PDB file of N, CA and C in Angstrom:
ATOM      1  N   MET A   1       0.836  -1.180   0.000  1.00  0.00           N
ATOM      2  CA  MET A   1       0.000   0.000   0.000  1.00  0.00           C
ATOM      3  C   MET A   1       0.881   1.243   0.000  1.00  0.00           C
ATOM      4  N   VAL A   2       0.715   2.084  -1.009  1.00  0.00           N
ATOM      5  CA  VAL A   2       1.498   3.314  -1.130  1.00  0.00           C
ATOM      6  C   VAL A   2       0.637   4.480  -0.664  1.00  0.00           C
ATOM      7  N   LYS A   3       1.180   5.240   0.255  1.00  0.00           N
ATOM      8  CA  LYS A   3       0.460   6.421   0.721  1.00  0.00           C
ATOM      9  C   LYS A   3       0.653   7.557  -0.264  1.00  0.00           C
ATOM     10  N   THR A   4      -0.197   8.550  -0.181  1.00  0.00           N
ATOM     11  CA  THR A   4      -0.240   9.615  -1.181  1.00  0.00           C
ATOM     12  C   THR A   4       1.076  10.367  -1.311  1.00  0.00           C
ATOM     13  N   ALA A   5       1.633  10.841  -0.230  1.00  0.00           N
ATOM     14  CA  ALA A   5       2.850  11.651  -0.311  1.00  0.00           C
ATOM     15  C   ALA A   5       4.054  10.916   0.244  1.00  0.00           C
ATOM     16  N   SER A   6       4.062   9.594   0.149  1.00  0.00           N
ATOM     17  CA  SER A   6       5.215   8.855   0.636  1.00  0.00           C
ATOM     18  C   SER A   6       6.374   9.010  -0.341  1.00  0.00           C
ATOM     19  N   PHE A   7       7.546   8.718   0.132  1.00  0.00           N
ATOM     20  CA  PHE A   7       8.772   8.921  -0.636  1.00  0.00           C
ATOM     21  C   PHE A   7       8.754   8.078  -1.908  1.00  0.00           C
ATOM     22  N   GLY A   8       9.089   8.699  -3.039  1.00  0.00           N
ATOM     23  CA  GLY A   8       9.162   7.986  -4.304  1.00  0.00           C
ATOM     24  C   GLY A   8       7.903   8.054  -5.141  1.00  0.00           C
ATOM     25  N   THR A   9       6.912   8.841  -4.738  1.00  0.00           N
ATOM     26  CA  THR A   9       5.691   8.990  -5.531  1.00  0.00           C
ATOM     27  C   THR A   9       5.713  10.330  -6.252  1.00  0.00           C
ATOM     28  N   SER A  10       4.866  10.465  -7.247  1.00  0.00           N
ATOM     29  CA  SER A  10       4.840  11.715  -8.013  1.00  0.00           C
ATOM     30  C   SER A  10       4.323  12.881  -7.176  1.00  0.00           C
ATOM     31  N   SER A  11       3.381  12.623  -6.268  1.00  0.00           N
ATOM     32  CA  SER A  11       2.897  13.712  -5.413  1.00  0.00           C
ATOM     33  C   SER A  11       3.975  14.166  -4.443  1.00  0.00           C
ATOM     34  N   SER A  12       4.797  13.254  -3.982  1.00  0.00           N
ATOM     35  CA  SER A  12       5.917  13.614  -3.118  1.00  0.00           C
ATOM     36  C   SER A  12       6.929  14.463  -3.886  1.00  0.00           C
ATOM     37  N   PHE A  13       7.153  14.113  -5.146  1.00  0.00           N
ATOM     38  CA  PHE A  13       8.055  14.899  -5.987  1.00  0.00           C
ATOM     39  C   PHE A  13       7.535  16.316  -6.182  1.00  0.00           C
ATOM     40  N   VAL A  14       6.241  16.456  -6.403  1.00  0.00           N
ATOM     41  CA  VAL A  14       5.644  17.790  -6.565  1.00  0.00           C
ATOM     42  C   VAL A  14       5.786  18.608  -5.279  1.00  0.00           C
ATOM     43  N   LEU A  15       5.596  17.958  -4.132  1.00  0.00           N
ATOM     44  CA  LEU A  15       5.774  18.657  -2.861  1.00  0.00           C
ATOM     45  C   LEU A  15       7.222  19.099  -2.667  1.00  0.00           C
ATOM     46  N   ARG A  16       8.177  18.260  -3.051  1.00  0.00           N
ATOM     47  CA  ARG A  16       9.593  18.642  -2.944  1.00  0.00           C
ATOM     48  C   ARG A  16       9.930  19.786  -3.886  1.00  0.00           C
ATOM     49  N   LEU A  17       9.350  19.771  -5.078  1.00  0.00           N
ATOM     50  CA  LEU A  17       9.580  20.900  -5.993  1.00  0.00           C
ATOM     51  C   LEU A  17       9.028  22.193  -5.412  1.00  0.00           C
ATOM     52  N   GLY A  18       7.858  22.120  -4.803  1.00  0.00           N
ATOM     53  CA  GLY A  18       7.300  23.298  -4.146  1.00  0.00           C
ATOM     54  C   GLY A  18       8.184  23.777  -3.017  1.00  0.00           C
ATOM     55  N   GLN A  19       8.715  22.851  -2.241  1.00  0.00           N
ATOM     56  CA  GLN A  19       9.625  23.206  -1.156  1.00  0.00           C
ATOM     57  C   GLN A  19      10.862  23.898  -1.709  1.00  0.00           C
ATOM     58  N   THR A  20      11.392  23.385  -2.805  1.00  0.00           N
ATOM     59  CA  THR A  20      12.576  23.977  -3.423  1.00  0.00           C
ATOM     60  C   THR A  20      12.271  25.367  -3.957  1.00  0.00           C
ATOM     61  N   LEU A  21      11.148  25.521  -4.635  1.00  0.00           N
ATOM     62  CA  LEU A  21      10.799  26.825  -5.195  1.00  0.00           C
ATOM     63  C   LEU A  21      10.571  27.874  -4.116  1.00  0.00           C
ATOM     64  N   PHE A  22       9.848  27.508  -3.069  1.00  0.00           N
ATOM     65  CA  PHE A  22       9.571  28.478  -2.019  1.00  0.00           C
ATOM     66  C   PHE A  22      10.816  28.841  -1.209  1.00  0.00           C
ATOM     67  N   SER A  23      11.687  27.873  -0.952  1.00  0.00           N
ATOM     68  CA  SER A  23      12.908  28.202  -0.218  1.00  0.00           C
ATOM     69  C   SER A  23      13.828  29.076  -1.068  1.00  0.00           C
ATOM     70  N   SER A  24      13.899  28.808  -2.370  1.00  0.00           N
ATOM     71  CA  SER A  24      14.706  29.649  -3.257  1.00  0.00           C
ATOM     72  C   SER A  24      14.133  31.060  -3.362  1.00  0.00           C
ATOM     73  N   ALA A  25      12.820  31.145  -3.478  1.00  0.00           N
ATOM     74  CA  ALA A  25      12.193  32.462  -3.590  1.00  0.00           C
ATOM     75  C   ALA A  25      12.378  33.278  -2.314  1.00  0.00           C
ATOM     76  N   SER A  26      12.234  32.641  -1.162  1.00  0.00           N
ATOM     77  CA  SER A  26      12.405  33.393   0.082  1.00  0.00           C
ATOM     78  C   SER A  26      13.843  33.855   0.238  1.00  0.00           C
ATOM     79  N   LEU A  27      14.800  33.039  -0.152  1.00  0.00           N
ATOM     80  CA  LEU A  27      16.199  33.449  -0.074  1.00  0.00           C
ATOM     81  C   LEU A  27      16.484  34.605  -1.024  1.00  0.00           C
ATOM     82  N   LEU A  28      15.936  34.550  -2.224  1.00  0.00           N
ATOM     83  CA  LEU A  28      16.138  35.651  -3.174  1.00  0.00           C
ATOM     84  C   LEU A  28      15.498  36.949  -2.688  1.00  0.00           C
ATOM     85  N   PHE A  29      14.294  36.862  -2.146  1.00  0.00           N
ATOM     86  CA  PHE A  29      13.636  38.070  -1.645  1.00  0.00           C
ATOM     87  C   PHE A  29      14.400  38.675  -0.473  1.00  0.00           C
ATOM     88  N   MET A  30      14.974  37.825   0.371  1.00  0.00           N
ATOM     89  CA  MET A  30      15.736  38.350   1.505  1.00  0.00           C
ATOM     90  C   MET A  30      17.059  38.952   1.059  1.00  0.00           C
ATOM     91  N   CYS A  31      17.707  38.352   0.063  1.00  0.00           N
ATOM     92  CA  CYS A  31      19.011  38.856  -0.381  1.00  0.00           C
ATOM     93  C   CYS A  31      18.898  40.135  -1.193  1.00  0.00           C
ATOM     94  N   PHE A  32      17.797  40.291  -1.920  1.00  0.00           N
ATOM     95  CA  PHE A  32      17.626  41.489  -2.742  1.00  0.00           C
ATOM     96  C   PHE A  32      16.745  42.520  -2.062  1.00  0.00           C
ATOM     97  N   ASN A  33      16.817  42.571  -0.760  1.00  0.00           N
ATOM     98  CA  ASN A  33      16.041  43.530   0.017  1.00  0.00           C
ATOM     99  C   ASN A  33      16.653  44.920  -0.146  1.00  0.00           C
ATOM    100  N   ASP A  34      15.831  45.914  -0.433  1.00  0.00           N
ATOM    101  CA  ASP A  34      16.315  47.279  -0.618  1.00  0.00           C
ATOM    102  C   ASP A  34      16.560  48.003   0.698  1.00  0.00           C
ATOM    103  N   ASP A  35      15.908  47.572   1.738  1.00  0.00           N
ATOM    104  CA  ASP A  35      16.018  48.234   3.027  1.00  0.00           C
ATOM    105  C   ASP A  35      17.262  47.730   3.749  1.00  0.00           C
ATOM    106  N   ASP A  36      18.239  48.596   3.966  1.00  0.00           N
ATOM    107  CA  ASP A  36      19.492  48.193   4.597  1.00  0.00           C
ATOM    108  C   ASP A  36      19.371  48.005   6.103  1.00  0.00           C
ATOM    109  N   ASP A  37      18.253  48.411   6.684  1.00  0.00           N
ATOM    110  CA  ASP A  37      18.093  48.282   8.134  1.00  0.00           C
ATOM    111  C   ASP A  37      18.012  46.824   8.574  1.00  0.00           C
ATOM    112  N   PHE A  38      17.475  45.948   7.727  1.00  0.00           N
ATOM    113  CA  PHE A  38      17.331  44.552   8.111  1.00  0.00           C
ATOM    114  C   PHE A  38      18.681  43.868   8.294  1.00  0.00           C
ATOM    115  N   TYR A  39      19.678  44.263   7.531  1.00  0.00           N
ATOM    116  CA  TYR A  39      20.983  43.615   7.624  1.00  0.00           C
ATOM    117  C   TYR A  39      21.695  43.922   8.935  1.00  0.00           C
ATOM    118  N   ALA A  40      21.232  44.912   9.668  1.00  0.00           N
ATOM    119  CA  ALA A  40      21.827  45.257  10.958  1.00  0.00           C
ATOM    120  C   ALA A  40      21.401  44.287  12.054  1.00  0.00           C
ATOM    121  N   TYR A  41      20.321  43.540  11.853  1.00  0.00           N
ATOM    122  CA  TYR A  41      19.818  42.624  12.870  1.00  0.00           C
ATOM    123  C   TYR A  41      20.435  41.242  12.689  1.00  0.00           C
ATOM    124  N   THR A  42      20.918  40.700  13.791  1.00  0.00           N
ATOM    125  CA  THR A  42      21.551  39.385  13.764  1.00  0.00           C
ATOM    126  C   THR A  42      20.561  38.295  13.381  1.00  0.00           C
ATOM    127  N   ALA A  43      19.329  38.408  13.839  1.00  0.00           N
ATOM    128  CA  ALA A  43      18.323  37.392  13.536  1.00  0.00           C
ATOM    129  C   ALA A  43      18.072  37.308  12.026  1.00  0.00           C
ATOM    130  N   PHE A  44      18.073  38.442  11.341  1.00  0.00           N
ATOM    131  CA  PHE A  44      17.872  38.431   9.894  1.00  0.00           C
ATOM    132  C   PHE A  44      19.040  37.750   9.204  1.00  0.00           C
ATOM    133  N   CYS A  45      20.252  38.009   9.681  1.00  0.00           N
ATOM    134  CA  CYS A  45      21.429  37.359   9.092  1.00  0.00           C
ATOM    135  C   CYS A  45      21.393  35.858   9.322  1.00  0.00           C
ATOM    136  N   TYR A  46      20.954  35.427  10.501  1.00  0.00           N
ATOM    137  CA  TYR A  46      20.814  34.000  10.773  1.00  0.00           C
ATOM    138  C   TYR A  46      19.755  33.373   9.870  1.00  0.00           C
ATOM    139  N   LEU A  47      18.672  34.083   9.645  1.00  0.00           N
ATOM    140  CA  LEU A  47      17.613  33.564   8.785  1.00  0.00           C
ATOM    141  C   LEU A  47      18.102  33.387   7.357  1.00  0.00           C
ATOM    142  N   VAL A  48      18.867  34.343   6.859  1.00  0.00           N
ATOM    143  CA  VAL A  48      19.427  34.227   5.511  1.00  0.00           C
ATOM    144  C   VAL A  48      20.387  33.038   5.448  1.00  0.00           C
ATOM    145  N   THR A  49      21.186  32.844   6.499  1.00  0.00           N
ATOM    146  CA  THR A  49      22.121  31.722   6.537  1.00  0.00           C
ATOM    147  C   THR A  49      21.386  30.386   6.544  1.00  0.00           C
ATOM    148  N   VAL A  50      20.347  30.290   7.357  1.00  0.00           N
ATOM    149  CA  VAL A  50      19.584  29.042   7.435  1.00  0.00           C
ATOM    150  C   VAL A  50      18.896  28.749   6.105  1.00  0.00           C
ATOM    151  N   MET A  51      18.329  29.748   5.479  1.00  0.00           N
ATOM    152  CA  MET A  51      17.685  29.519   4.186  1.00  0.00           C
ATOM    153  C   MET A  51      18.715  29.170   3.120  1.00  0.00           C
ATOM    154  N   GLY A  52      19.938  29.672   3.269  1.00  0.00           N
ATOM    155  CA  GLY A  52      21.011  29.288   2.364  1.00  0.00           C
ATOM    156  C   GLY A  52      21.394  27.831   2.515  1.00  0.00           C
ATOM    157  N   LEU A  53      21.146  27.255   3.690  1.00  0.00           N
ATOM    158  CA  LEU A  53      21.401  25.826   3.902  1.00  0.00           C
ATOM    159  C   LEU A  53      20.196  24.969   3.516  1.00  0.00           C
ATOM    160  N   VAL A  54      19.004  25.495   3.687  1.00  0.00           N
ATOM    161  CA  VAL A  54      17.788  24.738   3.382  1.00  0.00           C
ATOM    162  C   VAL A  54      17.598  24.581   1.873  1.00  0.00           C
ATOM    163  N   THR A  55      17.966  25.582   1.110  1.00  0.00           N
ATOM    164  CA  THR A  55      17.756  25.536  -0.340  1.00  0.00           C
ATOM    165  C   THR A  55      18.531  24.398  -1.011  1.00  0.00           C
ATOM    166  N   PRO A  56      19.838  24.228  -0.749  1.00  0.00           N
ATOM    167  CA  PRO A  56      20.516  23.080  -1.373  1.00  0.00           C
ATOM    168  C   PRO A  56      19.988  21.728  -0.872  1.00  0.00           C
ATOM    169  N   TRP A  57      19.563  21.687   0.389  1.00  0.00           N
ATOM    170  CA  TRP A  57      18.976  20.449   0.916  1.00  0.00           C
ATOM    171  C   TRP A  57      17.692  20.123   0.152  1.00  0.00           C
ATOM    172  N   SER A  58      16.878  21.117  -0.119  1.00  0.00           N
ATOM    173  CA  SER A  58      15.637  20.902  -0.862  1.00  0.00           C
ATOM    174  C   SER A  58      15.911  20.456  -2.292  1.00  0.00           C
ATOM    175  N   VAL A  59      16.912  21.050  -2.909  1.00  0.00           N
ATOM    176  CA  VAL A  59      17.265  20.669  -4.281  1.00  0.00           C
ATOM    177  C   VAL A  59      17.757  19.220  -4.311  1.00  0.00           C
ATOM    178  N   THR A  60      18.589  18.849  -3.347  1.00  0.00           N
ATOM    179  CA  THR A  60      19.098  17.480  -3.284  1.00  0.00           C
ATOM    180  C   THR A  60      17.968  16.477  -3.113  1.00  0.00           C
ATOM    181  N   LEU A  61      17.039  16.780  -2.211  1.00  0.00           N
ATOM    182  CA  LEU A  61      15.922  15.863  -2.002  1.00  0.00           C
ATOM    183  C   LEU A  61      14.994  15.815  -3.215  1.00  0.00           C
ATOM    184  N   ALA A  62      14.840  16.923  -3.912  1.00  0.00           N
ATOM    185  CA  ALA A  62      14.026  16.906  -5.127  1.00  0.00           C
ATOM    186  C   ALA A  62      14.666  16.010  -6.187  1.00  0.00           C
ATOM    187  N   LEU A  63      15.990  16.032  -6.283  1.00  0.00           N
ATOM    188  CA  LEU A  63      16.675  15.155  -7.234  1.00  0.00           C
ATOM    189  C   LEU A  63      16.530  13.690  -6.842  1.00  0.00           C
ATOM    190  N   ILE A  64      16.635  13.401  -5.545  1.00  0.00           N
ATOM    191  CA  ILE A  64      16.448  12.017  -5.080  1.00  0.00           C
ATOM    192  C   ILE A  64      15.014  11.566  -5.335  1.00  0.00           C
ATOM    193  N   GLU A  65      14.063  12.462  -5.101  1.00  0.00           N
ATOM    194  CA  GLU A  65      12.653  12.139  -5.375  1.00  0.00           C
ATOM    195  C   GLU A  65      12.435  11.872  -6.859  1.00  0.00           C
ATOM    196  N   ALA A  66      13.033  12.711  -7.709  1.00  0.00           N
ATOM    197  CA  ALA A  66      12.876  12.517  -9.155  1.00  0.00           C
ATOM    198  C   ALA A  66      13.450  11.168  -9.579  1.00  0.00           C
ATOM    199  N   TYR A  67      14.617  10.829  -9.076  1.00  0.00           N
ATOM    200  CA  TYR A  67      15.222   9.536  -9.395  1.00  0.00           C
ATOM    201  C   TYR A  67      14.347   8.386  -8.908  1.00  0.00           C
ATOM    202  N   SER A  68      13.851   8.489  -7.680  1.00  0.00           N
ATOM    203  CA  SER A  68      13.010   7.422  -7.126  1.00  0.00           C
ATOM    204  C   SER A  68      11.699   7.288  -7.886  1.00  0.00           C
ATOM    205  N   THR A  69      11.167   8.405  -8.371  1.00  0.00           N
ATOM    206  CA  THR A  69       9.921   8.366  -9.127  1.00  0.00           C
ATOM    207  C   THR A  69      10.133   7.758 -10.514  1.00  0.00           C
ATOM    208  N   ILE A  70      11.229   8.121 -11.166  1.00  0.00           N
ATOM    209  CA  ILE A  70      11.501   7.600 -12.508  1.00  0.00           C
ATOM    210  C   ILE A  70      11.830   6.113 -12.463  1.00  0.00           C
ATOM    211  N   VAL A  71      12.675   5.714 -11.521  1.00  0.00           N
ATOM    212  CA  VAL A  71      13.094   4.318 -11.425  1.00  0.00           C
ATOM    213  C   VAL A  71      12.009   3.468 -10.767  1.00  0.00           C
ATOM    214  N   LYS A  72      11.140   4.117 -10.026  1.00  0.00           N
ATOM    215  CA  LYS A  72      10.048   3.471  -9.297  1.00  0.00           C
ATOM    216  C   LYS A  72      10.553   2.504  -8.231  1.00  0.00           C
ATOM    217  N   SER A  73      11.621   2.921  -7.561  1.00  0.00           N
ATOM    218  CA  SER A  73      12.108   2.150  -6.419  1.00  0.00           C
ATOM    219  C   SER A  73      12.674   3.117  -5.391  1.00  0.00           C
ATOM    220  N   LEU A  74      12.531   2.745  -4.161  1.00  0.00           N
ATOM    221  CA  LEU A  74      13.039   3.560  -3.064  1.00  0.00           C
ATOM    222  C   LEU A  74      14.493   3.231  -2.805  1.00  0.00           C
ATOM    223  N   PRO A  75      15.243   4.209  -2.277  1.00  0.00           N
ATOM    224  CA  PRO A  75      16.587   3.849  -1.837  1.00  0.00           C
ATOM    225  C   PRO A  75      16.463   2.895  -0.648  1.00  0.00           C
ATOM    226  N   LEU A  76      16.989   1.704  -0.785  1.00  0.00           N
ATOM    227  CA  LEU A  76      16.780   0.671   0.216  1.00  0.00           C
ATOM    228  C   LEU A  76      17.792   0.723   1.350  1.00  0.00           C
ATOM    229  N   GLN A  77      18.822   1.513   1.195  1.00  0.00           N
ATOM    230  CA  GLN A  77      19.825   1.600   2.243  1.00  0.00           C
ATOM    231  C   GLN A  77      19.258   2.397   3.412  1.00  0.00           C
ATOM    232  N   ALA A  78      19.381   1.840   4.582  1.00  0.00           N
ATOM    233  CA  ALA A  78      18.859   2.492   5.781  1.00  0.00           C
ATOM    234  C   ALA A  78      19.574   3.808   6.052  1.00  0.00           C
ATOM    235  N   THR A  79      20.828   3.912   5.660  1.00  0.00           N
ATOM    236  CA  THR A  79      21.583   5.143   5.879  1.00  0.00           C
ATOM    237  C   THR A  79      20.991   6.295   5.085  1.00  0.00           C
ATOM    238  N   VAL A  80      20.646   6.052   3.841  1.00  0.00           N
ATOM    239  CA  VAL A  80      20.072   7.105   2.993  1.00  0.00           C
ATOM    240  C   VAL A  80      18.745   7.570   3.562  1.00  0.00           C
ATOM    241  N   LEU A  81      17.895   6.633   3.919  1.00  0.00           N
ATOM    242  CA  LEU A  81      16.595   7.007   4.466  1.00  0.00           C
ATOM    243  C   LEU A  81      16.727   7.712   5.807  1.00  0.00           C
ATOM    244  N   SER A  82      17.680   7.302   6.644  1.00  0.00           N
ATOM    245  CA  SER A  82      17.845   7.967   7.940  1.00  0.00           C
ATOM    246  C   SER A  82      18.383   9.383   7.772  1.00  0.00           C
ATOM    247  N   VAL A  83      19.244   9.617   6.778  1.00  0.00           N
ATOM    248  CA  VAL A  83      19.730  10.974   6.515  1.00  0.00           C
ATOM    249  C   VAL A  83      18.593  11.863   6.039  1.00  0.00           C
ATOM    250  N   ILE A  84      17.719  11.330   5.194  1.00  0.00           N
ATOM    251  CA  ILE A  84      16.570  12.101   4.708  1.00  0.00           C
ATOM    252  C   ILE A  84      15.630  12.449   5.857  1.00  0.00           C
ATOM    253  N   VAL A  85      15.346  11.477   6.707  1.00  0.00           N
ATOM    254  CA  VAL A  85      14.456  11.723   7.848  1.00  0.00           C
ATOM    255  C   VAL A  85      15.077  12.734   8.804  1.00  0.00           C
ATOM    256  N   ALA A  86      16.373  12.582   9.088  1.00  0.00           N
ATOM    257  CA  ALA A  86      17.041  13.514  10.007  1.00  0.00           C
ATOM    258  C   ALA A  86      17.078  14.926   9.432  1.00  0.00           C
ATOM    259  N   GLY A  87      17.334  15.050   8.142  1.00  0.00           N
ATOM    260  CA  GLY A  87      17.359  16.374   7.509  1.00  0.00           C
ATOM    261  C   GLY A  87      15.997  17.039   7.505  1.00  0.00           C
ATOM    262  N   ASP A  88      14.955  16.273   7.223  1.00  0.00           N
ATOM    263  CA  ASP A  88      13.611  16.838   7.258  1.00  0.00           C
ATOM    264  C   ASP A  88      13.205  17.224   8.670  1.00  0.00           C
ATOM    265  N   PHE A  89      13.625  16.434   9.655  1.00  0.00           N
ATOM    266  CA  PHE A  89      13.341  16.772  11.048  1.00  0.00           C
ATOM    267  C   PHE A  89      14.063  18.060  11.433  1.00  0.00           C
ATOM    268  N   LYS A  90      15.294  18.216  10.953  1.00  0.00           N
ATOM    269  CA  LYS A  90      16.052  19.438  11.209  1.00  0.00           C
ATOM    270  C   LYS A  90      15.357  20.635  10.591  1.00  0.00           C
ATOM    271  N   GLN A  91      14.854  20.486   9.374  1.00  0.00           N
ATOM    272  CA  GLN A  91      14.140  21.579   8.728  1.00  0.00           C
ATOM    273  C   GLN A  91      12.880  21.943   9.506  1.00  0.00           C
ATOM    274  N   MET A  92      12.182  20.956  10.022  1.00  0.00           N
ATOM    275  CA  MET A  92      10.980  21.225  10.780  1.00  0.00           C
ATOM    276  C   MET A  92      11.306  21.986  12.070  1.00  0.00           C
ATOM    277  N   ILE A  93      12.384  21.602  12.747  1.00  0.00           N
ATOM    278  CA  ILE A  93      12.781  22.282  13.967  1.00  0.00           C
ATOM    279  C   ILE A  93      13.204  23.718  13.670  1.00  0.00           C
ATOM    280  N   ILE A  94      13.943  23.931  12.587  1.00  0.00           N
ATOM    281  CA  ILE A  94      14.354  25.283  12.222  1.00  0.00           C
ATOM    282  C   ILE A  94      13.160  26.135  11.872  1.00  0.00           C
ATOM    283  N   ALA A  95      12.195  25.562  11.170  1.00  0.00           N
ATOM    284  CA  ALA A  95      11.003  26.332  10.795  1.00  0.00           C
ATOM    285  C   ALA A  95      10.190  26.721  12.021  1.00  0.00           C
ATOM    286  N   MET A  96      10.175  25.865  13.040  1.00  0.00           N
ATOM    287  CA  MET A  96       9.429  26.179  14.252  1.00  0.00           C
ATOM    288  C   MET A  96      10.178  27.163  15.135  1.00  0.00           C
ATOM    289  N   TRP A  97      11.498  27.251  15.002  1.00  0.00           N
ATOM    290  CA  TRP A  97      12.327  28.090  15.827  1.00  0.00           C
ATOM    291  C   TRP A  97      12.092  29.492  15.462  1.00  0.00           C
TER     292      TRP A  97
END
């Protein structure tokens, strides 16, 4: 039984693409900010740094999702799946922070 947004499905790939697009867009909007006052705040600089780390992570997972969707098989190595779960958990904690 395959769940709707489980890893390796087309809906999961679409969700990862959305994650990649939104993280890239937010990073671009923050970097091309015209107001110089925001750069004086440490929290804004940390946010830009975190989004700079989240964007490549999203792109990497979108590529893994695309490969899994095309080949129609999941990465069976427990290490790969545990890294994906840990990275997504890290993103969730950062988003809540």
